[in-house]
Amino acid sequence: MHQVVADVLRRDPAKLDRVAGWIEERLVDPDYSIHSKDALQEWLDLIRERDLPGVLEKLADRSEDAFRMRHSPFAVVMPQEERMRILRRYEALRPRAHPASV
């Protein structure tokens, strides 16, 4: 999904503002998870400090830290049809539990 998000942002860099706005709304929401706020603050800092190039770099990064950060606020700009297509593909690849033999 991170590759699709990167493509969306490359085609329309203004969508990064939408992501930043979504993050800012969550950061001031007292009911939003503190743990999630930490990750969102990291993304907002990256957006403010490095803008689109920094975000694209992080989305392409294969490090453990980058993987952790990919659980991210970018679903707000992801085309839902594409998201569902990817989720269906992963679901089809996921091993199914076998019923216990009796």
PDB file of N, CA and C in Angstrom:
ATOM      1  N   MET A   1       0.816  -1.195   0.000  1.00  0.00           N
ATOM      2  CA  MET A   1       0.000   0.000   0.000  1.00  0.00           C
ATOM      3  C   MET A   1       0.859   1.257   0.000  1.00  0.00           C
ATOM      4  N   HIS A   2       2.021   1.164   0.660  1.00  0.00           N
ATOM      5  CA  HIS A   2       2.874   2.349   0.728  1.00  0.00           C
ATOM      6  C   HIS A   2       3.326   2.793  -0.663  1.00  0.00           C
ATOM      7  N   GLN A   3       3.463   1.843  -1.584  1.00  0.00           N
ATOM      8  CA  GLN A   3       3.851   2.208  -2.954  1.00  0.00           C
ATOM      9  C   GLN A   3       2.722   2.954  -3.655  1.00  0.00           C
ATOM     10  N   VAL A   4       1.493   2.532  -3.420  1.00  0.00           N
ATOM     11  CA  VAL A   4       0.340   3.225  -4.008  1.00  0.00           C
ATOM     12  C   VAL A   4       0.247   4.634  -3.438  1.00  0.00           C
ATOM     13  N   VAL A   5       0.432   4.762  -2.139  1.00  0.00           N
ATOM     14  CA  VAL A   5       0.395   6.082  -1.497  1.00  0.00           C
ATOM     15  C   VAL A   5       1.479   6.979  -2.091  1.00  0.00           C
ATOM     16  N   ALA A   6       2.680   6.445  -2.257  1.00  0.00           N
ATOM     17  CA  ALA A   6       3.769   7.237  -2.843  1.00  0.00           C
ATOM     18  C   ALA A   6       3.395   7.695  -4.249  1.00  0.00           C
ATOM     19  N   ASP A   7       2.786   6.818  -5.042  1.00  0.00           N
ATOM     20  CA  ASP A   7       2.359   7.198  -6.394  1.00  0.00           C
ATOM     21  C   ASP A   7       1.304   8.297  -6.353  1.00  0.00           C
ATOM     22  N   VAL A   8       0.356   8.175  -5.438  1.00  0.00           N
ATOM     23  CA  VAL A   8      -0.690   9.197  -5.293  1.00  0.00           C
ATOM     24  C   VAL A   8      -0.049  10.540  -4.955  1.00  0.00           C
ATOM     25  N   LEU A   9       0.895  10.539  -4.026  1.00  0.00           N
ATOM     26  CA  LEU A   9       1.541  11.787  -3.607  1.00  0.00           C
ATOM     27  C   LEU A   9       2.428  12.376  -4.709  1.00  0.00           C
ATOM     28  N   ARG A  10       3.067  11.521  -5.478  1.00  0.00           N
ATOM     29  CA  ARG A  10       3.874  12.032  -6.604  1.00  0.00           C
ATOM     30  C   ARG A  10       2.983  12.718  -7.641  1.00  0.00           C
ATOM     31  N   ARG A  11       1.827  12.123  -7.918  1.00  0.00           N
ATOM     32  CA  ARG A  11       0.910  12.699  -8.908  1.00  0.00           C
ATOM     33  C   ARG A  11       0.251  13.976  -8.405  1.00  0.00           C
ATOM     34  N   ASP A  12      -0.008  14.029  -7.087  1.00  0.00           N
ATOM     35  CA  ASP A  12      -0.701  15.191  -6.525  1.00  0.00           C
ATOM     36  C   ASP A  12      -0.093  15.541  -5.162  1.00  0.00           C
ATOM     37  N   PRO A  13       1.049  16.241  -5.168  1.00  0.00           N
ATOM     38  CA  PRO A  13       1.736  16.566  -3.911  1.00  0.00           C
ATOM     39  C   PRO A  13       0.881  17.367  -2.921  1.00  0.00           C
ATOM     40  N   ALA A  14      -0.151  18.064  -3.405  1.00  0.00           N
ATOM     41  CA  ALA A  14      -1.019  18.839  -2.509  1.00  0.00           C
ATOM     42  C   ALA A  14      -1.761  17.934  -1.529  1.00  0.00           C
ATOM     43  N   LYS A  15      -1.870  16.647  -1.850  1.00  0.00           N
ATOM     44  CA  LYS A  15      -2.549  15.724  -0.932  1.00  0.00           C
ATOM     45  C   LYS A  15      -1.774  15.552   0.367  1.00  0.00           C
ATOM     46  N   LEU A  16      -0.513  15.895   0.360  1.00  0.00           N
ATOM     47  CA  LEU A  16       0.262  15.836   1.595  1.00  0.00           C
ATOM     48  C   LEU A  16      -0.296  16.823   2.621  1.00  0.00           C
ATOM     49  N   ASP A  17      -0.829  17.955   2.155  1.00  0.00           N
ATOM     50  CA  ASP A  17      -1.481  18.906   3.060  1.00  0.00           C
ATOM     51  C   ASP A  17      -2.712  18.280   3.713  1.00  0.00           C
ATOM     52  N   ARG A  18      -3.432  17.481   2.933  1.00  0.00           N
ATOM     53  CA  ARG A  18      -4.609  16.790   3.477  1.00  0.00           C
ATOM     54  C   ARG A  18      -4.197  15.823   4.579  1.00  0.00           C
ATOM     55  N   VAL A  19      -3.101  15.117   4.355  1.00  0.00           N
ATOM     56  CA  VAL A  19      -2.590  14.194   5.359  1.00  0.00           C
ATOM     57  C   VAL A  19      -2.185  14.961   6.622  1.00  0.00           C
ATOM     58  N   ALA A  20      -1.460  16.058   6.444  1.00  0.00           N
ATOM     59  CA  ALA A  20      -1.023  16.856   7.601  1.00  0.00           C
ATOM     60  C   ALA A  20      -2.230  17.376   8.377  1.00  0.00           C
ATOM     61  N   GLY A  21      -3.259  17.814   7.675  1.00  0.00           N
ATOM     62  CA  GLY A  21      -4.473  18.283   8.352  1.00  0.00           C
ATOM     63  C   GLY A  21      -5.150  17.168   9.133  1.00  0.00           C
ATOM     64  N   TRP A  22      -5.204  15.982   8.546  1.00  0.00           N
ATOM     65  CA  TRP A  22      -5.805  14.832   9.223  1.00  0.00           C
ATOM     66  C   TRP A  22      -5.026  14.513  10.497  1.00  0.00           C
ATOM     67  N   ILE A  23      -3.696  14.555  10.388  1.00  0.00           N
ATOM     68  CA  ILE A  23      -2.854  14.296  11.565  1.00  0.00           C
ATOM     69  C   ILE A  23      -3.110  15.340  12.641  1.00  0.00           C
ATOM     70  N   GLU A  24      -3.114  16.605  12.259  1.00  0.00           N
ATOM     71  CA  GLU A  24      -3.319  17.675  13.241  1.00  0.00           C
ATOM     72  C   GLU A  24      -4.645  17.516  13.979  1.00  0.00           C
ATOM     73  N   GLU A  25      -5.690  17.102  13.266  1.00  0.00           N
ATOM     74  CA  GLU A  25      -6.988  16.877  13.911  1.00  0.00           C
ATOM     75  C   GLU A  25      -6.895  15.769  14.952  1.00  0.00           C
ATOM     76  N   ARG A  26      -6.182  14.703  14.637  1.00  0.00           N
ATOM     77  CA  ARG A  26      -6.055  13.588  15.588  1.00  0.00           C
ATOM     78  C   ARG A  26      -5.199  13.975  16.790  1.00  0.00           C
ATOM     79  N   LEU A  27      -4.189  14.791  16.562  1.00  0.00           N
ATOM     80  CA  LEU A  27      -3.304  15.167  17.673  1.00  0.00           C
ATOM     81  C   LEU A  27      -4.015  16.000  18.736  1.00  0.00           C
ATOM     82  N   VAL A  28      -5.033  16.747  18.362  1.00  0.00           N
ATOM     83  CA  VAL A  28      -5.765  17.552  19.349  1.00  0.00           C
ATOM     84  C   VAL A  28      -6.998  16.838  19.889  1.00  0.00           C
ATOM     85  N   ASP A  29      -7.289  15.650  19.373  1.00  0.00           N
ATOM     86  CA  ASP A  29      -8.448  14.881  19.823  1.00  0.00           C
ATOM     87  C   ASP A  29      -8.098  14.157  21.117  1.00  0.00           C
ATOM     88  N   PRO A  30      -8.737  14.532  22.245  1.00  0.00           N
ATOM     89  CA  PRO A  30      -8.383  13.902  23.522  1.00  0.00           C
ATOM     90  C   PRO A  30      -8.732  12.423  23.585  1.00  0.00           C
ATOM     91  N   ASP A  31      -9.596  11.951  22.711  1.00  0.00           N
ATOM     92  CA  ASP A  31      -9.991  10.542  22.720  1.00  0.00           C
ATOM     93  C   ASP A  31      -9.126   9.672  21.813  1.00  0.00           C
ATOM     94  N   TYR A  32      -8.228  10.285  21.069  1.00  0.00           N
ATOM     95  CA  TYR A  32      -7.377   9.517  20.163  1.00  0.00           C
ATOM     96  C   TYR A  32      -6.227   8.907  20.959  1.00  0.00           C
ATOM     97  N   SER A  33      -5.867   7.684  20.662  1.00  0.00           N
ATOM     98  CA  SER A  33      -4.842   6.929  21.381  1.00  0.00           C
ATOM     99  C   SER A  33      -3.518   7.688  21.500  1.00  0.00           C
ATOM    100  N   ILE A  34      -2.983   7.746  22.720  1.00  0.00           N
ATOM    101  CA  ILE A  34      -1.692   8.387  22.967  1.00  0.00           C
ATOM    102  C   ILE A  34      -0.601   7.684  22.163  1.00  0.00           C
ATOM    103  N   HIS A  35      -0.623   6.355  22.122  1.00  0.00           N
ATOM    104  CA  HIS A  35       0.376   5.588  21.366  1.00  0.00           C
ATOM    105  C   HIS A  35       0.332   5.981  19.890  1.00  0.00           C
ATOM    106  N   SER A  36      -0.855   6.091  19.350  1.00  0.00           N
ATOM    107  CA  SER A  36      -1.002   6.482  17.948  1.00  0.00           C
ATOM    108  C   SER A  36      -0.550   7.922  17.731  1.00  0.00           C
ATOM    109  N   LYS A  37      -0.778   8.775  18.710  1.00  0.00           N
ATOM    110  CA  LYS A  37      -0.362  10.177  18.584  1.00  0.00           C
ATOM    111  C   LYS A  37       1.148  10.295  18.447  1.00  0.00           C
ATOM    112  N   ASP A  38       1.888   9.428  19.112  1.00  0.00           N
ATOM    113  CA  ASP A  38       3.347   9.473  19.004  1.00  0.00           C
ATOM    114  C   ASP A  38       3.779   9.241  17.553  1.00  0.00           C
ATOM    115  N   ALA A  39       3.210   8.213  16.924  1.00  0.00           N
ATOM    116  CA  ALA A  39       3.555   7.913  15.530  1.00  0.00           C
ATOM    117  C   ALA A  39       3.091   9.033  14.603  1.00  0.00           C
ATOM    118  N   LEU A  40       1.907   9.555  14.858  1.00  0.00           N
ATOM    119  CA  LEU A  40       1.406  10.648  14.025  1.00  0.00           C
ATOM    120  C   LEU A  40       2.291  11.884  14.147  1.00  0.00           C
ATOM    121  N   GLN A  41       2.770  12.159  15.348  1.00  0.00           N
ATOM    122  CA  GLN A  41       3.655  13.307  15.533  1.00  0.00           C
ATOM    123  C   GLN A  41       4.946  13.109  14.747  1.00  0.00           C
ATOM    124  N   GLU A  42       5.453  11.870  14.706  1.00  0.00           N
ATOM    125  CA  GLU A  42       6.649  11.595  13.902  1.00  0.00           C
ATOM    126  C   GLU A  42       6.399  11.911  12.431  1.00  0.00           C
ATOM    127  N   TRP A  43       5.229  11.485  11.921  1.00  0.00           N
ATOM    128  CA  TRP A  43       4.906  11.771  10.520  1.00  0.00           C
ATOM    129  C   TRP A  43       4.776  13.273  10.285  1.00  0.00           C
ATOM    130  N   LEU A  44       4.106  13.967  11.201  1.00  0.00           N
ATOM    131  CA  LEU A  44       3.929  15.406  11.032  1.00  0.00           C
ATOM    132  C   LEU A  44       5.278  16.126  11.059  1.00  0.00           C
ATOM    133  N   ASP A  45       6.157  15.717  11.952  1.00  0.00           N
ATOM    134  CA  ASP A  45       7.500  16.305  12.004  1.00  0.00           C
ATOM    135  C   ASP A  45       8.242  16.064  10.685  1.00  0.00           C
ATOM    136  N   LEU A  46       8.139  14.849  10.164  1.00  0.00           N
ATOM    137  CA  LEU A  46       8.794  14.527   8.897  1.00  0.00           C
ATOM    138  C   LEU A  46       8.219  15.376   7.760  1.00  0.00           C
ATOM    139  N   ILE A  47       6.909  15.516   7.729  1.00  0.00           N
ATOM    140  CA  ILE A  47       6.265  16.338   6.692  1.00  0.00           C
ATOM    141  C   ILE A  47       6.749  17.780   6.786  1.00  0.00           C
ATOM    142  N   ARG A  48       6.792  18.314   7.987  1.00  0.00           N
ATOM    143  CA  ARG A  48       7.192  19.719   8.174  1.00  0.00           C
ATOM    144  C   ARG A  48       8.678  19.943   7.891  1.00  0.00           C
ATOM    145  N   GLU A  49       9.511  18.979   8.278  1.00  0.00           N
ATOM    146  CA  GLU A  49      10.958  19.152   8.127  1.00  0.00           C
ATOM    147  C   GLU A  49      11.468  18.802   6.732  1.00  0.00           C
ATOM    148  N   ARG A  50      10.885  17.761   6.116  1.00  0.00           N
ATOM    149  CA  ARG A  50      11.454  17.264   4.861  1.00  0.00           C
ATOM    150  C   ARG A  50      10.465  17.260   3.710  1.00  0.00           C
ATOM    151  N   ASP A  51       9.198  17.601   3.983  1.00  0.00           N
ATOM    152  CA  ASP A  51       8.151  17.716   2.970  1.00  0.00           C
ATOM    153  C   ASP A  51       8.044  16.420   2.158  1.00  0.00           C
ATOM    154  N   LEU A  52       7.594  16.527   0.940  1.00  0.00           N
ATOM    155  CA  LEU A  52       7.333  15.356   0.109  1.00  0.00           C
ATOM    156  C   LEU A  52       8.557  14.458  -0.084  1.00  0.00           C
ATOM    157  N   PRO A  53       9.751  15.007  -0.352  1.00  0.00           N
ATOM    158  CA  PRO A  53      10.909  14.109  -0.524  1.00  0.00           C
ATOM    159  C   PRO A  53      11.166  13.220   0.695  1.00  0.00           C
ATOM    160  N   GLY A  54      11.018  13.767   1.891  1.00  0.00           N
ATOM    161  CA  GLY A  54      11.230  12.976   3.103  1.00  0.00           C
ATOM    162  C   GLY A  54      10.176  11.900   3.282  1.00  0.00           C
ATOM    163  N   VAL A  55       8.934  12.239   2.961  1.00  0.00           N
ATOM    164  CA  VAL A  55       7.851  11.264   3.071  1.00  0.00           C
ATOM    165  C   VAL A  55       8.059  10.133   2.062  1.00  0.00           C
ATOM    166  N   LEU A  56       8.393  10.487   0.839  1.00  0.00           N
ATOM    167  CA  LEU A  56       8.619   9.465  -0.185  1.00  0.00           C
ATOM    168  C   LEU A  56       9.791   8.558   0.187  1.00  0.00           C
ATOM    169  N   GLU A  57      10.820   9.152   0.742  1.00  0.00           N
ATOM    170  CA  GLU A  57      11.980   8.362   1.178  1.00  0.00           C
ATOM    171  C   GLU A  57      11.570   7.374   2.268  1.00  0.00           C
ATOM    172  N   LYS A  58      10.787   7.831   3.231  1.00  0.00           N
ATOM    173  CA  LYS A  58      10.357   6.961   4.330  1.00  0.00           C
ATOM    174  C   LYS A  58       9.431   5.859   3.811  1.00  0.00           C
ATOM    175  N   LEU A  59       8.566   6.189   2.873  1.00  0.00           N
ATOM    176  CA  LEU A  59       7.665   5.181   2.311  1.00  0.00           C
ATOM    177  C   LEU A  59       8.420   4.106   1.537  1.00  0.00           C
ATOM    178  N   ALA A  60       9.567   4.454   0.958  1.00  0.00           N
ATOM    179  CA  ALA A  60      10.364   3.500   0.181  1.00  0.00           C
ATOM    180  C   ALA A  60      11.364   2.732   1.043  1.00  0.00           C
ATOM    181  N   ASP A  61      11.646   3.245   2.222  1.00  0.00           N
ATOM    182  CA  ASP A  61      12.632   2.656   3.122  1.00  0.00           C
ATOM    183  C   ASP A  61      12.169   1.267   3.574  1.00  0.00           C
ATOM    184  N   ARG A  62      13.099   0.327   3.661  1.00  0.00           N
ATOM    185  CA  ARG A  62      12.758  -1.039   4.077  1.00  0.00           C
ATOM    186  C   ARG A  62      13.244  -1.357   5.497  1.00  0.00           C
ATOM    187  N   SER A  63      13.648  -0.345   6.228  1.00  0.00           N
ATOM    188  CA  SER A  63      14.130  -0.590   7.592  1.00  0.00           C
ATOM    189  C   SER A  63      12.961  -0.913   8.528  1.00  0.00           C
ATOM    190  N   GLU A  64      13.304  -1.456   9.698  1.00  0.00           N
ATOM    191  CA  GLU A  64      12.294  -1.783  10.700  1.00  0.00           C
ATOM    192  C   GLU A  64      11.549  -0.520  11.150  1.00  0.00           C
ATOM    193  N   ASP A  65      12.293   0.568  11.319  1.00  0.00           N
ATOM    194  CA  ASP A  65      11.675   1.827  11.725  1.00  0.00           C
ATOM    195  C   ASP A  65      10.685   2.315  10.669  1.00  0.00           C
ATOM    196  N   ALA A  66      11.064   2.225   9.413  1.00  0.00           N
ATOM    197  CA  ALA A  66      10.170   2.652   8.334  1.00  0.00           C
ATOM    198  C   ALA A  66       8.936   1.762   8.283  1.00  0.00           C
ATOM    199  N   PHE A  67       9.126   0.461   8.493  1.00  0.00           N
ATOM    200  CA  PHE A  67       7.991  -0.450   8.501  1.00  0.00           C
ATOM    201  C   PHE A  67       7.014  -0.068   9.603  1.00  0.00           C
ATOM    202  N   ARG A  68       7.546   0.244  10.772  1.00  0.00           N
ATOM    203  CA  ARG A  68       6.701   0.664  11.898  1.00  0.00           C
ATOM    204  C   ARG A  68       5.913   1.909  11.529  1.00  0.00           C
ATOM    205  N   MET A  69       6.563   2.834  10.849  1.00  0.00           N
ATOM    206  CA  MET A  69       5.886   4.096  10.510  1.00  0.00           C
ATOM    207  C   MET A  69       4.894   3.952   9.363  1.00  0.00           C
ATOM    208  N   ARG A  70       4.959   2.857   8.624  1.00  0.00           N
ATOM    209  CA  ARG A  70       4.018   2.700   7.509  1.00  0.00           C
ATOM    210  C   ARG A  70       2.606   2.479   7.998  1.00  0.00           C
ATOM    211  N   HIS A  71       2.445   2.098   9.247  1.00  0.00           N
ATOM    212  CA  HIS A  71       1.107   2.061   9.833  1.00  0.00           C
ATOM    213  C   HIS A  71       0.787   3.533  10.067  1.00  0.00           C
ATOM    214  N   SER A  72       0.155   4.115   9.089  1.00  0.00           N
ATOM    215  CA  SER A  72       0.239   5.554   8.968  1.00  0.00           C
ATOM    216  C   SER A  72      -1.073   6.239   8.641  1.00  0.00           C
ATOM    217  N   PRO A  73      -1.021   7.550   8.562  1.00  0.00           N
ATOM    218  CA  PRO A  73      -2.209   8.351   8.266  1.00  0.00           C
ATOM    219  C   PRO A  73      -2.517   8.470   6.780  1.00  0.00           C
ATOM    220  N   PHE A  74      -1.848   7.727   5.921  1.00  0.00           N
ATOM    221  CA  PHE A  74      -1.972   7.946   4.493  1.00  0.00           C
ATOM    222  C   PHE A  74      -3.191   7.293   3.868  1.00  0.00           C
ATOM    223  N   ALA A  75      -3.933   6.511   4.624  1.00  0.00           N
ATOM    224  CA  ALA A  75      -5.158   5.928   4.075  1.00  0.00           C
ATOM    225  C   ALA A  75      -6.124   7.024   3.625  1.00  0.00           C
ATOM    226  N   VAL A  76      -5.992   8.196   4.216  1.00  0.00           N
ATOM    227  CA  VAL A  76      -6.862   9.323   3.869  1.00  0.00           C
ATOM    228  C   VAL A  76      -6.688   9.764   2.413  1.00  0.00           C
ATOM    229  N   VAL A  77      -5.555   9.466   1.792  1.00  0.00           N
ATOM    230  CA  VAL A  77      -5.336   9.835   0.387  1.00  0.00           C
ATOM    231  C   VAL A  77      -5.312   8.618  -0.540  1.00  0.00           C
ATOM    232  N   MET A  78      -5.447   7.437   0.036  1.00  0.00           N
ATOM    233  CA  MET A  78      -5.401   6.223  -0.777  1.00  0.00           C
ATOM    234  C   MET A  78      -6.748   5.991  -1.444  1.00  0.00           C
ATOM    235  N   PRO A  79      -6.752   5.763  -2.749  1.00  0.00           N
ATOM    236  CA  PRO A  79      -8.013   5.436  -3.418  1.00  0.00           C
ATOM    237  C   PRO A  79      -8.605   4.157  -2.819  1.00  0.00           C
ATOM    238  N   GLN A  80      -9.828   4.226  -2.346  1.00  0.00           N
ATOM    239  CA  GLN A  80     -10.423   3.096  -1.644  1.00  0.00           C
ATOM    240  C   GLN A  80     -10.537   1.843  -2.516  1.00  0.00           C
ATOM    241  N   GLU A  81     -10.777   2.029  -3.814  1.00  0.00           N
ATOM    242  CA  GLU A  81     -10.863   0.861  -4.693  1.00  0.00           C
ATOM    243  C   GLU A  81      -9.522   0.127  -4.731  1.00  0.00           C
ATOM    244  N   GLU A  82      -8.447   0.905  -4.791  1.00  0.00           N
ATOM    245  CA  GLU A  82      -7.102   0.320  -4.818  1.00  0.00           C
ATOM    246  C   GLU A  82      -6.795  -0.358  -3.493  1.00  0.00           C
ATOM    247  N   ARG A  83      -7.174   0.267  -2.397  1.00  0.00           N
ATOM    248  CA  ARG A  83      -6.956  -0.292  -1.064  1.00  0.00           C
ATOM    249  C   ARG A  83      -7.676  -1.628  -0.930  1.00  0.00           C
ATOM    250  N   MET A  84      -8.925  -1.684  -1.368  1.00  0.00           N
ATOM    251  CA  MET A  84      -9.701  -2.923  -1.279  1.00  0.00           C
ATOM    252  C   MET A  84      -9.104  -4.011  -2.175  1.00  0.00           C
ATOM    253  N   ARG A  85      -8.614  -3.635  -3.351  1.00  0.00           N
ATOM    254  CA  ARG A  85      -7.996  -4.603  -4.257  1.00  0.00           C
ATOM    255  C   ARG A  85      -6.763  -5.227  -3.593  1.00  0.00           C
ATOM    256  N   ILE A  86      -5.956  -4.399  -2.967  1.00  0.00           N
ATOM    257  CA  ILE A  86      -4.748  -4.882  -2.294  1.00  0.00           C
ATOM    258  C   ILE A  86      -5.119  -5.773  -1.103  1.00  0.00           C
ATOM    259  N   LEU A  87      -6.093  -5.345  -0.315  1.00  0.00           N
ATOM    260  CA  LEU A  87      -6.503  -6.144   0.841  1.00  0.00           C
ATOM    261  C   LEU A  87      -7.057  -7.505   0.405  1.00  0.00           C
ATOM    262  N   ARG A  88      -7.829  -7.538  -0.678  1.00  0.00           N
ATOM    263  CA  ARG A  88      -8.355  -8.810  -1.180  1.00  0.00           C
ATOM    264  C   ARG A  88      -7.211  -9.719  -1.635  1.00  0.00           C
ATOM    265  N   ARG A  89      -6.215  -9.130  -2.306  1.00  0.00           N
ATOM    266  CA  ARG A  89      -5.083  -9.920  -2.769  1.00  0.00           C
ATOM    267  C   ARG A  89      -4.321 -10.530  -1.585  1.00  0.00           C
ATOM    268  N   TYR A  90      -4.074  -9.728  -0.547  1.00  0.00           N
ATOM    269  CA  TYR A  90      -3.375 -10.251   0.628  1.00  0.00           C
ATOM    270  C   TYR A  90      -4.215 -11.303   1.354  1.00  0.00           C
ATOM    271  N   GLU A  91      -5.508 -11.072   1.409  1.00  0.00           N
ATOM    272  CA  GLU A  91      -6.393 -12.047   2.058  1.00  0.00           C
ATOM    273  C   GLU A  91      -6.350 -13.387   1.316  1.00  0.00           C
ATOM    274  N   ALA A  92      -6.312 -13.338  -0.001  1.00  0.00           N
ATOM    275  CA  ALA A  92      -6.262 -14.562  -0.803  1.00  0.00           C
ATOM    276  C   ALA A  92      -4.946 -15.316  -0.584  1.00  0.00           C
ATOM    277  N   LEU A  93      -3.874 -14.605  -0.281  1.00  0.00           N
ATOM    278  CA  LEU A  93      -2.566 -15.230  -0.074  1.00  0.00           C
ATOM    279  C   LEU A  93      -2.379 -15.746   1.350  1.00  0.00           C
ATOM    280  N   ARG A  94      -3.184 -15.258   2.269  1.00  0.00           N
ATOM    281  CA  ARG A  94      -3.041 -15.610   3.667  1.00  0.00           C
ATOM    282  C   ARG A  94      -3.426 -17.068   3.897  1.00  0.00           C
ATOM    283  N   PRO A  95      -2.613 -17.823   4.635  1.00  0.00           N
ATOM    284  CA  PRO A  95      -2.951 -19.225   4.907  1.00  0.00           C
ATOM    285  C   PRO A  95      -4.248 -19.316   5.705  1.00  0.00           C
ATOM    286  N   ARG A  96      -5.053 -20.228   5.322  1.00  0.00           N
ATOM    287  CA  ARG A  96      -6.331 -20.453   6.021  1.00  0.00           C
ATOM    288  C   ARG A  96      -6.121 -21.481   7.131  1.00  0.00           C
ATOM    289  N   ALA A  97      -6.830 -21.294   8.245  1.00  0.00           N
ATOM    290  CA  ALA A  97      -6.794 -22.266   9.332  1.00  0.00           C
ATOM    291  C   ALA A  97      -7.571 -23.504   8.902  1.00  0.00           C
ATOM    292  N   HIS A  98      -6.997 -24.657   9.176  1.00  0.00           N
ATOM    293  CA  HIS A  98      -7.664 -25.908   8.828  1.00  0.00           C
ATOM    294  C   HIS A  98      -8.503 -26.352  10.018  1.00  0.00           C
ATOM    295  N   PRO A  99      -9.736 -26.805   9.758  1.00  0.00           N
ATOM    296  CA  PRO A  99     -10.559 -27.296  10.888  1.00  0.00           C
ATOM    297  C   PRO A  99      -9.878 -28.496  11.549  1.00  0.00           C
ATOM    298  N   ALA A 100     -10.017 -28.563  12.826  1.00  0.00           N
ATOM    299  CA  ALA A 100      -9.408 -29.669  13.576  1.00  0.00           C
ATOM    300  C   ALA A 100     -10.062 -30.983  13.188  1.00  0.00           C
ATOM    301  N   SER A 101      -9.247 -32.025  13.082  1.00  0.00           N
ATOM    302  CA  SER A 101      -9.820 -33.343  12.750  1.00  0.00           C
ATOM    303  C   SER A 101     -10.518 -33.889  13.983  1.00  0.00           C
ATOM    304  N   VAL A 102     -11.575 -34.585  13.712  1.00  0.00           N
ATOM    305  CA  VAL A 102     -12.341 -35.169  14.817  1.00  0.00           C
ATOM    306  C   VAL A 102     -12.082 -36.640  14.900  1.00  0.00           C
TER     307      VAL A 102
END
